[in-house]
C-alpha atoms as a PDB file:
ATOM      1  CA  MET A   1       0.000   0.000   0.000  1.00  0.00           C
ATOM      2  CA  ASP A   2       1.165   3.511  -0.805  1.00  0.00           C
ATOM      3  CA  LYS A   3       2.099   5.762   2.045  1.00  0.00           C
ATOM      4  CA  VAL A   4       0.465   9.143   2.383  1.00  0.00           C
ATOM      5  CA  SER A   5       2.639  12.114   1.550  1.00  0.00           C
ATOM      6  CA  PHE A   6       2.425  15.799   2.418  1.00  0.00           C
ATOM      7  CA  GLU A   7       1.649  16.480  -1.241  1.00  0.00           C
ATOM      8  CA  LYS A   8      -1.265  14.011  -1.264  1.00  0.00           C
ATOM      9  CA  VAL A   9      -2.837  15.762   1.703  1.00  0.00           C
ATOM     10  CA  LEU A  10      -2.487  19.095  -0.099  1.00  0.00           C
ATOM     11  CA  SER A  11      -4.031  17.555  -3.220  1.00  0.00           C
ATOM     12  CA  ALA A  12      -6.950  16.301  -1.135  1.00  0.00           C
ATOM     13  CA  ASN A  13      -7.347  19.764   0.354  1.00  0.00           C
ATOM     14  CA  ARG A  14      -7.692  21.258  -3.129  1.00  0.00           C
ATOM     15  CA  ARG A  15     -10.251  18.617  -4.114  1.00  0.00           C
ATOM     16  CA  LEU A  16     -12.333  19.276  -1.003  1.00  0.00           C
ATOM     17  CA  GLU A  17     -12.330  23.051  -1.365  1.00  0.00           C
ATOM     18  CA  GLY A  18     -15.925  24.233  -1.537  1.00  0.00           C
ATOM     19  CA  ILE A  19     -17.167  20.723  -0.638  1.00  0.00           C
ATOM     20  CA  VAL A  20     -16.356  20.372   3.060  1.00  0.00           C
ATOM     21  CA  ARG A  21     -16.732  23.084   5.658  1.00  0.00           C
ATOM     22  CA  HIS A  22     -13.622  24.833   6.894  1.00  0.00           C
ATOM     23  CA  THR A  23     -14.619  24.218  10.500  1.00  0.00           C
ATOM     24  CA  PRO A  24     -13.871  26.735  13.280  1.00  0.00           C
ATOM     25  CA  LEU A  25     -10.742  26.656  15.412  1.00  0.00           C
ATOM     26  CA  GLU A  26     -11.765  28.381  18.621  1.00  0.00           C
ATOM     27  CA  LEU A  27      -9.850  29.425  21.718  1.00  0.00           C
ATOM     28  CA  LEU A  28     -11.372  27.406  24.550  1.00  0.00           C
ATOM     29  CA  TYR A  29      -9.430  29.101  27.329  1.00  0.00           C
ATOM     30  CA  ARG A  30      -6.171  30.768  28.273  1.00  0.00           C
ATOM     31  CA  ASP A  31      -4.629  30.235  31.698  1.00  0.00           C
ATOM     32  CA  PRO A  32      -2.505  32.703  33.742  1.00  0.00           C
ATOM     33  CA  ALA A  33       0.703  30.837  32.807  1.00  0.00           C
ATOM     34  CA  GLY A  34       0.087  31.562  29.124  1.00  0.00           C
ATOM     35  CA  MET A  35      -1.224  28.187  27.981  1.00  0.00           C
ATOM     36  CA  GLU A  36      -3.810  28.493  25.216  1.00  0.00           C
ATOM     37  CA  VAL A  37      -6.183  25.631  24.423  1.00  0.00           C
ATOM     38  CA  TYR A  38      -7.924  25.607  21.049  1.00  0.00           C
ATOM     39  CA  VAL A  39     -10.612  23.237  19.810  1.00  0.00           C
ATOM     40  CA  LYS A  40     -11.054  22.266  16.159  1.00  0.00           C
ATOM     41  CA  LEU A  41     -14.829  21.832  15.818  1.00  0.00           C
ATOM     42  CA  GLU A  42     -15.300  19.010  13.327  1.00  0.00           C
ATOM     43  CA  ASN A  43     -18.597  18.315  15.092  1.00  0.00           C
ATOM     44  CA  LEU A  44     -19.790  21.206  12.888  1.00  0.00           C
ATOM     45  CA  GLN A  45     -18.735  19.461   9.673  1.00  0.00           C
ATOM     46  CA  LYS A  46     -21.568  18.802   7.188  1.00  0.00           C
ATOM     47  CA  THR A  47     -22.107  15.244   8.408  1.00  0.00           C
ATOM     48  CA  GLY A  48     -21.231  16.032  12.031  1.00  0.00           C
ATOM     49  CA  SER A  49     -17.775  14.460  11.700  1.00  0.00           C
ATOM     50  CA  TYR A  50     -14.396  14.813   9.944  1.00  0.00           C
ATOM     51  CA  LYS A  51     -15.037  11.474   8.210  1.00  0.00           C
ATOM     52  CA  PHE A  52     -16.744  13.245   5.307  1.00  0.00           C
ATOM     53  CA  ARG A  53     -13.330  14.529   4.209  1.00  0.00           C
ATOM     54  CA  GLY A  54     -11.779  11.124   3.596  1.00  0.00           C
ATOM     55  CA  ALA A  55     -14.886   9.548   2.117  1.00  0.00           C
ATOM     56  CA  TYR A  56     -15.372  12.270  -0.497  1.00  0.00           C
ATOM     57  CA  ASN A  57     -11.686  12.401  -1.411  1.00  0.00           C
ATOM     58  CA  CYS A  58     -11.666   8.650  -1.991  1.00  0.00           C
ATOM     59  CA  ILE A  59     -14.915   8.337  -3.952  1.00  0.00           C
ATOM     60  CA  ASP A  60     -14.257  11.394  -6.102  1.00  0.00           C
ATOM     61  CA  ARG A  61     -10.944   9.872  -7.248  1.00  0.00           C
ATOM     62  CA  LEU A  62     -12.534   6.645  -8.490  1.00  0.00           C
ATOM     63  CA  SER A  63     -12.734   5.858 -12.188  1.00  0.00           C
ATOM     64  CA  ALA A  64     -15.987   6.395 -14.060  1.00  0.00           C
ATOM     65  CA  THR A  65     -16.450   2.614 -14.225  1.00  0.00           C
ATOM     66  CA  ASP A  66     -15.997   2.149 -10.483  1.00  0.00           C
ATOM     67  CA  LYS A  67     -18.428   4.984  -9.793  1.00  0.00           C
ATOM     68  CA  GLU A  68     -20.952   3.374 -12.108  1.00  0.00           C
ATOM     69  CA  ASN A  69     -20.618   0.012 -10.312  1.00  0.00           C
ATOM     70  CA  GLY A  70     -21.176   1.619  -6.917  1.00  0.00           C
ATOM     71  CA  VAL A  71     -19.306   1.532  -3.616  1.00  0.00           C
ATOM     72  CA  VAL A  72     -19.500  -0.338  -0.326  1.00  0.00           C
ATOM     73  CA  CYS A  73     -18.369   0.620   3.154  1.00  0.00           C
ATOM     74  CA  ALA A  74     -18.517  -0.520   6.773  1.00  0.00           C
ATOM     75  CA  SER A  75     -18.895   1.881   9.649  1.00  0.00           C
ATOM     76  CA  THR A  76     -20.106   2.402  13.204  1.00  0.00           C
ATOM     77  CA  GLY A  77     -21.655   5.624  11.937  1.00  0.00           C
ATOM     78  CA  ASN A  78     -19.527   8.610  11.004  1.00  0.00           C
ATOM     79  CA  HIS A  79     -17.773   7.085   7.983  1.00  0.00           C
ATOM     80  CA  ALA A  80     -21.175   5.865   6.794  1.00  0.00           C
ATOM     81  CA  LEU A  81     -22.493   9.425   6.934  1.00  0.00           C
ATOM     82  CA  GLY A  82     -19.502  10.656   4.958  1.00  0.00           C
ATOM     83  CA  VAL A  83     -19.914   7.977   2.303  1.00  0.00           C
ATOM     84  CA  ALA A  84     -23.669   8.589   2.080  1.00  0.00           C
ATOM     85  CA  LEU A  85     -23.332  12.327   1.498  1.00  0.00           C
ATOM     86  CA  SER A  86     -20.447  11.784  -0.932  1.00  0.00           C
ATOM     87  CA  CYS A  87     -22.532   9.302  -2.939  1.00  0.00           C
ATOM     88  CA  ASN A  88     -25.401  11.744  -3.054  1.00  0.00           C
ATOM     89  CA  LEU A  89     -23.207  14.631  -4.218  1.00  0.00           C
ATOM     90  CA  LEU A  90     -21.300  12.562  -6.777  1.00  0.00           C
ATOM     91  CA  GLY A  91     -24.220  10.533  -8.145  1.00  0.00           C
ATOM     92  CA  VAL A  92     -22.839   7.179  -6.975  1.00  0.00           C
ATOM     93  CA  ASN A  93     -24.844   4.286  -5.520  1.00  0.00           C
ATOM     94  CA  GLY A  94     -23.629   2.869  -2.212  1.00  0.00           C
ATOM     95  CA  THR A  95     -24.266   0.084   0.264  1.00  0.00           C
ATOM     96  CA  VAL A  96     -23.366   0.737   3.880  1.00  0.00           C
ATOM     97  CA  PHE A  97     -22.868  -2.049   6.432  1.00  0.00           C
ATOM     98  CA  MET A  98     -23.265  -1.064  10.081  1.00  0.00           C
ATOM     99  CA  PRO A  99     -23.308  -3.116  13.317  1.00  0.00           C
ATOM    100  CA  LYS A 100     -26.750  -4.150  14.531  1.00  0.00           C
ATOM    101  CA  ASN A 101     -26.372  -1.969  17.641  1.00  0.00           C
ATOM    102  CA  THR A 102     -25.674   1.217  15.649  1.00  0.00           C
ATOM    103  CA  PRO A 103     -27.657   4.112  17.162  1.00  0.00           C
ATOM    104  CA  TYR A 104     -30.511   5.353  14.987  1.00  0.00           C
ATOM    105  CA  VAL A 105     -29.039   8.872  15.031  1.00  0.00           C
ATOM    106  CA  LYS A 106     -26.358   7.451  12.738  1.00  0.00           C
ATOM    107  CA  SER A 107     -28.169   4.743  10.719  1.00  0.00           C
ATOM    108  CA  GLY A 108     -31.207   6.953  10.129  1.00  0.00           C
ATOM    109  CA  LYS A 109     -29.072   9.950   9.236  1.00  0.00           C
ATOM    110  CA  THR A 110     -27.095   7.783   6.802  1.00  0.00           C
ATOM    111  CA  LYS A 111     -30.293   6.959   4.916  1.00  0.00           C
ATOM    112  CA  LEU A 112     -31.305  10.624   4.973  1.00  0.00           C
ATOM    113  CA  LEU A 113     -27.999  11.916   3.597  1.00  0.00           C
ATOM    114  CA  GLY A 114     -27.804   9.187   0.963  1.00  0.00           C
ATOM    115  CA  TYR A 115     -31.424   9.604  -0.142  1.00  0.00           C
ATOM    116  CA  SER A 116     -32.232   7.034  -2.835  1.00  0.00           C
ATOM    117  CA  ARG A 117     -28.543   6.478  -3.571  1.00  0.00           C
ATOM    118  CA  VAL A 118     -27.612   4.551  -0.428  1.00  0.00           C
ATOM    119  CA  LYS A 119     -29.004   1.503   1.328  1.00  0.00           C
ATOM    120  CA  VAL A 120     -28.080   0.439   4.858  1.00  0.00           C
ATOM    121  CA  GLU A 121     -27.465  -3.142   5.978  1.00  0.00           C
ATOM    122  CA  LEU A 122     -27.225  -3.870   9.709  1.00  0.00           C
ATOM    123  CA  ARG A 123     -24.879  -6.839  10.158  1.00  0.00           C
ATOM    124  CA  GLY A 124     -22.646  -8.105  12.964  1.00  0.00           C
ATOM    125  CA  ASP A 125     -22.251  -7.088  16.596  1.00  0.00           C
ATOM    126  CA  ASN A 126     -19.361  -4.640  16.131  1.00  0.00           C
ATOM    127  CA  PHE A 127     -17.431  -2.759  13.461  1.00  0.00           C
ATOM    128  CA  ASP A 128     -15.066  -5.610  12.680  1.00  0.00           C
ATOM    129  CA  GLU A 129     -17.906  -8.054  12.011  1.00  0.00           C
ATOM    130  CA  ALA A 130     -19.788  -5.506   9.890  1.00  0.00           C
ATOM    131  CA  CYS A 131     -16.551  -4.913   7.975  1.00  0.00           C
ATOM    132  CA  GLU A 132     -16.264  -8.619   7.128  1.00  0.00           C
ATOM    133  CA  TRP A 133     -19.800  -8.585   5.743  1.00  0.00           C
ATOM    134  CA  ALA A 134     -19.063  -5.468   3.701  1.00  0.00           C
ATOM    135  CA  MET A 135     -15.800  -6.725   2.231  1.00  0.00           C
ATOM    136  CA  ASP A 136     -17.373 -10.040   1.232  1.00  0.00           C
ATOM    137  CA  TYR A 137     -20.295  -8.228  -0.396  1.00  0.00           C
ATOM    138  CA  ALA A 138     -17.995  -5.856  -2.279  1.00  0.00           C
ATOM    139  CA  ALA A 139     -15.885  -8.734  -3.586  1.00  0.00           C
ATOM    140  CA  ASN A 140     -18.915 -10.779  -4.684  1.00  0.00           C
ATOM    141  CA  GLU A 141     -20.642  -7.825  -6.366  1.00  0.00           C
ATOM    142  CA  GLY A 142     -17.540  -6.326  -7.983  1.00  0.00           C
ATOM    143  CA  LYS A 143     -17.831  -3.033  -6.128  1.00  0.00           C
ATOM    144  CA  VAL A 144     -15.138  -0.821  -4.599  1.00  0.00           C
ATOM    145  CA  PHE A 145     -14.811  -1.072  -0.831  1.00  0.00           C
ATOM    146  CA  ILE A 146     -14.216   2.324   0.823  1.00  0.00           C
ATOM    147  CA  HIS A 147     -12.276   1.553   3.986  1.00  0.00           C
ATOM    148  CA  PRO A 148     -12.835   4.023   6.838  1.00  0.00           C
ATOM    149  CA  PHE A 149      -9.186   4.272   7.904  1.00  0.00           C
ATOM    150  CA  ASN A 150      -6.915   1.916   5.988  1.00  0.00           C
ATOM    151  CA  ASP A 151      -6.947   3.552   2.561  1.00  0.00           C
ATOM    152  CA  PRO A 152      -4.356   6.147   1.445  1.00  0.00           C
ATOM    153  CA  THR A 153      -6.888   8.441  -0.243  1.00  0.00           C
ATOM    154  CA  VAL A 154      -9.170   8.338   2.807  1.00  0.00           C
ATOM    155  CA  ILE A 155      -6.205   9.093   5.077  1.00  0.00           C
ATOM    156  CA  ALA A 156      -5.131  11.995   2.863  1.00  0.00           C
ATOM    157  CA  GLY A 157      -8.632  13.437   3.105  1.00  0.00           C
ATOM    158  CA  GLN A 158      -8.625  13.180   6.899  1.00  0.00           C
ATOM    159  CA  GLY A 159      -5.264  14.935   6.958  1.00  0.00           C
ATOM    160  CA  THR A 160      -6.878  18.103   5.617  1.00  0.00           C
ATOM    161  CA  VAL A 161      -7.970  18.790   9.195  1.00  0.00           C
ATOM    162  CA  ALA A 162      -4.319  19.661   9.909  1.00  0.00           C
ATOM    163  CA  VAL A 163      -4.139  21.906   6.841  1.00  0.00           C
ATOM    164  CA  GLU A 164      -6.978  24.009   8.207  1.00  0.00           C
ATOM    165  CA  VAL A 165      -5.547  24.132  11.719  1.00  0.00           C
ATOM    166  CA  LEU A 166      -2.276  25.555  10.390  1.00  0.00           C
ATOM    167  CA  GLN A 167      -4.131  28.034   8.211  1.00  0.00           C
ATOM    168  CA  ASP A 168      -5.935  29.365  11.290  1.00  0.00           C
ATOM    169  CA  LEU A 169      -3.129  29.065  13.836  1.00  0.00           C
ATOM    170  CA  LYS A 170       0.365  29.712  12.528  1.00  0.00           C
ATOM    171  CA  ASP A 171       2.096  27.440  15.003  1.00  0.00           C
ATOM    172  CA  PHE A 172       1.133  25.277  17.950  1.00  0.00           C
ATOM    173  CA  ASP A 173       2.991  22.959  20.282  1.00  0.00           C
ATOM    174  CA  TYR A 174       0.686  20.005  20.976  1.00  0.00           C
ATOM    175  CA  ILE A 175      -2.220  18.415  19.152  1.00  0.00           C
ATOM    176  CA  PHE A 176      -4.409  15.757  20.777  1.00  0.00           C
ATOM    177  CA  VAL A 177      -6.041  13.361  18.307  1.00  0.00           C
ATOM    178  CA  PRO A 178      -8.830  10.822  19.016  1.00  0.00           C
ATOM    179  CA  VAL A 179      -7.850   7.433  17.605  1.00  0.00           C
ATOM    180  CA  GLY A 180      -9.826   4.390  16.521  1.00  0.00           C
ATOM    181  CA  GLY A 181      -8.405   2.803  13.383  1.00  0.00           C
ATOM    182  CA  GLY A 182      -5.794   5.542  13.138  1.00  0.00           C
ATOM    183  CA  GLY A 183      -6.683   7.137   9.788  1.00  0.00           C
ATOM    184  CA  LEU A 184      -7.079  10.673  11.125  1.00  0.00           C
ATOM    185  CA  MET A 185      -3.830  10.503  13.059  1.00  0.00           C
ATOM    186  CA  ALA A 186      -2.017   9.095  10.024  1.00  0.00           C
ATOM    187  CA  GLY A 187      -3.249  11.952   7.860  1.00  0.00           C
ATOM    188  CA  ILE A 188      -2.271  14.540  10.441  1.00  0.00           C
ATOM    189  CA  VAL A 189       1.301  13.276  10.957  1.00  0.00           C
ATOM    190  CA  SER A 190       1.720  12.946   7.182  1.00  0.00           C
ATOM    191  CA  TYR A 191       1.057  16.653   6.859  1.00  0.00           C
ATOM    192  CA  LEU A 192       2.631  18.030  10.038  1.00  0.00           C
ATOM    193  CA  SER A 193       5.888  16.084   9.633  1.00  0.00           C
ATOM    194  CA  ARG A 194       6.891  18.554   6.908  1.00  0.00           C
ATOM    195  CA  PHE A 195       6.958  21.340   9.499  1.00  0.00           C
ATOM    196  CA  SER A 196       9.932  20.647  11.780  1.00  0.00           C
ATOM    197  CA  LYS A 197      10.371  24.192  13.108  1.00  0.00           C
ATOM    198  CA  PRO A 198       8.580  24.709  15.375  1.00  0.00           C
ATOM    199  CA  LYS A 199       7.852  21.038  15.894  1.00  0.00           C
ATOM    200  CA  THR A 200       4.300  20.048  16.770  1.00  0.00           C
ATOM    201  CA  HIS A 201       3.980  17.067  19.098  1.00  0.00           C
ATOM    202  CA  VAL A 202       1.145  14.689  18.232  1.00  0.00           C
ATOM    203  CA  PHE A 203      -0.647  12.786  21.010  1.00  0.00           C
ATOM    204  CA  ALA A 204      -2.945   9.843  20.279  1.00  0.00           C
ATOM    205  CA  VAL A 205      -5.914   9.391  22.618  1.00  0.00           C
ATOM    206  CA  GLU A 206      -7.963   6.193  22.948  1.00  0.00           C
ATOM    207  CA  PRO A 207     -10.640   4.928  25.346  1.00  0.00           C
ATOM    208  CA  SER A 208      -9.662   2.150  27.734  1.00  0.00           C
ATOM    209  CA  GLY A 209     -12.388  -0.052  26.232  1.00  0.00           C
ATOM    210  CA  ALA A 210     -10.864   0.056  22.732  1.00  0.00           C
ATOM    211  CA  ALA A 211      -7.152   0.855  22.964  1.00  0.00           C
ATOM    212  CA  ALA A 212      -6.118  -1.107  19.868  1.00  0.00           C
ATOM    213  CA  MET A 213      -3.489   1.369  18.633  1.00  0.00           C
ATOM    214  CA  TYR A 214      -1.946   1.719  22.097  1.00  0.00           C
ATOM    215  CA  GLU A 215      -1.613  -2.048  22.491  1.00  0.00           C
ATOM    216  CA  SER A 216      -0.260  -2.429  18.951  1.00  0.00           C
ATOM    217  CA  ASN A 217       2.327   0.295  19.478  1.00  0.00           C
ATOM    218  CA  LYS A 218       3.413  -1.322  22.734  1.00  0.00           C
ATOM    219  CA  ALA A 219       3.825  -4.684  20.984  1.00  0.00           C
ATOM    220  CA  GLY A 220       5.549  -3.177  17.945  1.00  0.00           C
ATOM    221  CA  LYS A 221       3.055  -4.796  15.569  1.00  0.00           C
ATOM    222  CA  VAL A 222      -0.624  -4.570  14.724  1.00  0.00           C
ATOM    223  CA  LEU A 223      -2.726  -6.502  17.217  1.00  0.00           C
ATOM    224  CA  THR A 224      -6.389  -7.499  17.285  1.00  0.00           C
ATOM    225  CA  LEU A 225      -8.194  -7.031  20.595  1.00  0.00           C
ATOM    226  CA  ASN A 226     -10.425  -9.830  21.845  1.00  0.00           C
ATOM    227  CA  LYS A 227     -13.307  -7.445  22.476  1.00  0.00           C
ATOM    228  CA  VAL A 228     -14.141  -3.749  22.696  1.00  0.00           C
ATOM    229  CA  TYR A 229     -16.496  -1.749  24.866  1.00  0.00           C
ATOM    230  CA  ASP A 230     -18.468   0.656  22.733  1.00  0.00           C
ATOM    231  CA  ILE A 231     -19.625   3.659  24.781  1.00  0.00           C
ATOM    232  CA  VAL A 232     -17.069   5.575  22.694  1.00  0.00           C
ATOM    233  CA  ASP A 233     -18.579   3.881  19.667  1.00  0.00           C
ATOM    234  CA  ALA A 234     -16.972   5.943  16.887  1.00  0.00           C
ATOM    235  CA  VAL A 235     -13.514   4.579  17.763  1.00  0.00           C
ATOM    236  CA  ALA A 236     -14.523   1.115  18.948  1.00  0.00           C
ATOM    237  CA  VAL A 237     -12.399  -1.058  16.648  1.00  0.00           C
ATOM    238  CA  LYS A 238     -10.618  -4.279  17.540  1.00  0.00           C
ATOM    239  CA  ARG A 239      -7.761  -3.767  15.102  1.00  0.00           C
ATOM    240  CA  PRO A 240      -6.153  -0.534  13.874  1.00  0.00           C
ATOM    241  CA  GLY A 241      -5.295  -0.063  10.227  1.00  0.00           C
ATOM    242  CA  ASP A 242      -2.040  -1.620   9.017  1.00  0.00           C
ATOM    243  CA  LEU A 243      -1.325   1.437   6.873  1.00  0.00           C
ATOM    244  CA  ALA A 244      -2.182   3.873   9.661  1.00  0.00           C
ATOM    245  CA  PHE A 245       0.060   1.946  12.049  1.00  0.00           C
ATOM    246  CA  GLU A 246       2.936   2.018   9.549  1.00  0.00           C
ATOM    247  CA  ILE A 247       2.571   5.755   8.893  1.00  0.00           C
ATOM    248  CA  THR A 248       2.322   6.808  12.540  1.00  0.00           C
ATOM    249  CA  ARG A 249       4.961   4.486  13.965  1.00  0.00           C
ATOM    250  CA  GLY A 250       7.675   6.616  15.606  1.00  0.00           C
ATOM    251  CA  ARG A 251       5.909   9.881  14.721  1.00  0.00           C
ATOM    252  CA  VAL A 252       3.588  10.121  17.717  1.00  0.00           C
ATOM    253  CA  GLU A 253       4.807  11.660  20.958  1.00  0.00           C
ATOM    254  CA  ASP A 254       2.686   9.481  23.242  1.00  0.00           C
ATOM    255  CA  TYR A 255      -0.320   7.172  23.283  1.00  0.00           C
ATOM    256  CA  ILE A 256      -2.812   8.121  25.983  1.00  0.00           C
ATOM    257  CA  VAL A 257      -5.558   5.830  27.272  1.00  0.00           C
ATOM    258  CA  VAL A 258      -8.451   7.378  29.212  1.00  0.00           C
ATOM    259  CA  ASN A 259     -11.362   5.688  30.953  1.00  0.00           C
ATOM    260  CA  ASP A 260     -14.949   6.045  29.777  1.00  0.00           C
ATOM    261  CA  ILE A 261     -16.021   7.947  32.898  1.00  0.00           C
ATOM    262  CA  GLU A 262     -13.466  10.675  32.229  1.00  0.00           C
ATOM    263  CA  VAL A 263     -14.551  10.906  28.583  1.00  0.00           C
ATOM    264  CA  CYS A 264     -18.182  11.333  29.632  1.00  0.00           C
ATOM    265  CA  TYR A 265     -17.222  14.023  32.128  1.00  0.00           C
ATOM    266  CA  ARG A 266     -15.350  16.021  29.477  1.00  0.00           C
ATOM    267  CA  LEU A 267     -18.263  15.598  27.074  1.00  0.00           C
ATOM    268  CA  GLN A 268     -20.623  17.021  29.694  1.00  0.00           C
ATOM    269  CA  GLU A 269     -18.164  19.825  30.478  1.00  0.00           C
ATOM    270  CA  LEU A 270     -17.861  20.824  26.818  1.00  0.00           C
ATOM    271  CA  ALA A 271     -21.643  21.046  26.533  1.00  0.00           C
ATOM    272  CA  SER A 272     -22.346  22.765  29.849  1.00  0.00           C
ATOM    273  CA  ASN A 273     -19.447  25.229  29.968  1.00  0.00           C
ATOM    274  CA  TYR A 274     -18.793  25.958  26.299  1.00  0.00           C
ATOM    275  CA  GLY A 275     -21.932  25.012  24.370  1.00  0.00           C
ATOM    276  CA  ILE A 276     -20.031  22.409  22.328  1.00  0.00           C
ATOM    277  CA  MET A 277     -22.124  19.337  21.501  1.00  0.00           C
ATOM    278  CA  ALA A 278     -19.779  16.404  21.020  1.00  0.00           C
ATOM    279  CA  GLU A 279     -20.164  12.657  20.898  1.00  0.00           C
ATOM    280  CA  PRO A 280     -17.949  10.602  23.258  1.00  0.00           C
ATOM    281  CA  ALA A 281     -15.182  10.157  20.651  1.00  0.00           C
ATOM    282  CA  GLY A 282     -15.246  13.898  20.053  1.00  0.00           C
ATOM    283  CA  ALA A 283     -14.422  14.541  23.705  1.00  0.00           C
ATOM    284  CA  LEU A 284     -11.504  12.089  23.748  1.00  0.00           C
ATOM    285  CA  SER A 285      -8.909  14.712  22.864  1.00  0.00           C
ATOM    286  CA  VAL A 286      -9.866  16.978  25.766  1.00  0.00           C
ATOM    287  CA  ALA A 287      -9.870  14.011  28.141  1.00  0.00           C
ATOM    288  CA  GLY A 288      -6.390  13.057  26.902  1.00  0.00           C
ATOM    289  CA  MET A 289      -5.072  16.565  27.452  1.00  0.00           C
ATOM    290  CA  PHE A 290      -6.274  16.590  31.064  1.00  0.00           C
ATOM    291  CA  GLU A 291      -4.791  13.125  31.596  1.00  0.00           C
ATOM    292  CA  LYS A 292      -1.360  14.547  30.705  1.00  0.00           C
ATOM    293  CA  MET A 293      -1.950  17.524  33.001  1.00  0.00           C
ATOM    294  CA  TRP A 294      -2.738  15.280  35.946  1.00  0.00           C
ATOM    295  CA  LYS A 295       0.329  13.130  35.370  1.00  0.00           C
ATOM    296  CA  ARG A 296       2.462  16.302  35.225  1.00  0.00           C
ATOM    297  CA  ASP A 297       4.793  14.666  32.702  1.00  0.00           C
ATOM    298  CA  LEU A 298       4.275  17.313  30.015  1.00  0.00           C
ATOM    299  CA  ASP A 299       5.113  21.009  30.159  1.00  0.00           C
ATOM    300  CA  PHE A 300       2.011  23.068  29.338  1.00  0.00           C
ATOM    301  CA  GLU A 301       3.291  26.468  30.486  1.00  0.00           C
ATOM    302  CA  GLY A 302       3.081  28.987  27.653  1.00  0.00           C
ATOM    303  CA  LYS A 303       2.142  26.263  25.159  1.00  0.00           C
ATOM    304  CA  LYS A 304      -0.461  26.389  22.405  1.00  0.00           C
ATOM    305  CA  VAL A 305      -2.571  23.235  22.478  1.00  0.00           C
ATOM    306  CA  VAL A 306      -5.077  21.984  19.891  1.00  0.00           C
ATOM    307  CA  CYS A 307      -7.754  19.401  20.726  1.00  0.00           C
ATOM    308  CA  LEU A 308      -9.707  17.862  17.852  1.00  0.00           C
ATOM    309  CA  VAL A 309     -13.434  17.607  18.560  1.00  0.00           C
ATOM    310  CA  THR A 310     -13.938  15.022  15.862  1.00  0.00           C
ATOM    311  CA  GLY A 311     -17.686  14.444  15.915  1.00  0.00           C
ATOM    312  CA  GLY A 312     -21.029  15.543  17.286  1.00  0.00           C
ATOM    313  CA  ASN A 313     -23.385  12.699  16.366  1.00  0.00           C
ATOM    314  CA  LEU A 314     -24.420  11.914  19.918  1.00  0.00           C
ATOM    315  CA  ASN A 315     -26.691   8.933  20.544  1.00  0.00           C
ATOM    316  CA  ILE A 316     -29.466  10.498  22.641  1.00  0.00           C
ATOM    317  CA  ASP A 317     -30.517   7.065  23.915  1.00  0.00           C
ATOM    318  CA  ARG A 318     -27.291   6.971  25.953  1.00  0.00           C
ATOM    319  CA  ILE A 319     -27.554  10.442  27.484  1.00  0.00           C
ATOM    320  CA  ASP A 320     -28.542   9.070  30.903  1.00  0.00           C
ATOM    321  CA  GLU A 321     -25.613   6.643  30.912  1.00  0.00           C
ATOM    322  CA  ILE A 322     -23.192   9.394  29.894  1.00  0.00           C
ATOM    323  CA  MET A 323     -24.509  11.799  32.527  1.00  0.00           C
ATOM    324  CA  ASP A 324     -24.272   9.117  35.235  1.00  0.00           C
ATOM    325  CA  ASP A 325     -20.618   8.537  34.350  1.00  0.00           C
ATOM    326  CA  ALA A 326     -20.006  12.300  34.301  1.00  0.00           C
ATOM    327  CA  VAL A 327     -21.383  12.602  37.857  1.00  0.00           C
ATOM    328  CA  ILE A 328     -19.215   9.693  39.027  1.00  0.00           C
ATOM    329  CA  ALA A 329     -16.134  11.446  37.638  1.00  0.00           C
ATOM    330  CA  GLN A 330     -16.856  14.549  39.717  1.00  0.00           C
ATOM    331  CA  TYR A 331     -16.654  12.558  42.945  1.00  0.00           C
ATOM    332  CA  GLN A 332     -13.641  10.404  42.211  1.00  0.00           C
END
């Protein structure tokens, strides 16, 4: 598989101009020691997630024949939304496979964004099982499979998040990136690695219930987890992408694992204090930043910090569960 270069991310950025929203980069707060924390609000992207970037970049680059045959994808939600809207905009038919427990806010919205172009199949109990169904279907039907995080054109599209951050903020010291399969992080390091002065340190953040990239990095090879816990459903994958792992290996400052209770607390805090509606995966970056603060193993004084709020497609059926965990976090 081809690696993703700085130039490919720039090419994706040109292709997406006028298609995706240039989402806001807002100053969340500034402390007395001079630390500034910014949030990149991809929850305000057209589909409620950065995933639209990679999906459109990939589908738009397909040949006329492949577009005519139609595309297939697997997703826990956000990639499905990106594929659905891309199919609608580009006039391509698509079939989306999602786990049977996918919240309706994502499966229903996928059908809405895809209109008559996209059909949804609920298969398997998690992303990895749905992905097996999707890949088999694509192979049998002769259709292109659009992988959510293990495809170079998808990764290049996700990397355009970093292009926008640097357009809005000339330099910054740390960036905290939510990680599931690793496609977003791979795109970001592919772009930021060109800028060595000043160097930006990239931190990967995963939930304790699905820390596949953390475990793989520790082992020095891609591992498959036995199971995942899916409250942070958008990043609940058993196995990270081989390509994403290869690209990010040695280019990430640290891999941070946070518990679900802390994620829920930061989600509630973003909504209550700042009016930012995020899904659990979207709050991962902020939770990871505070984890480093508590450990006191990273110098934040006078630093510019960027946290990626990657999605806002919150499953309202789990609000009570999230709020309960947020309350628990306050008393720990």
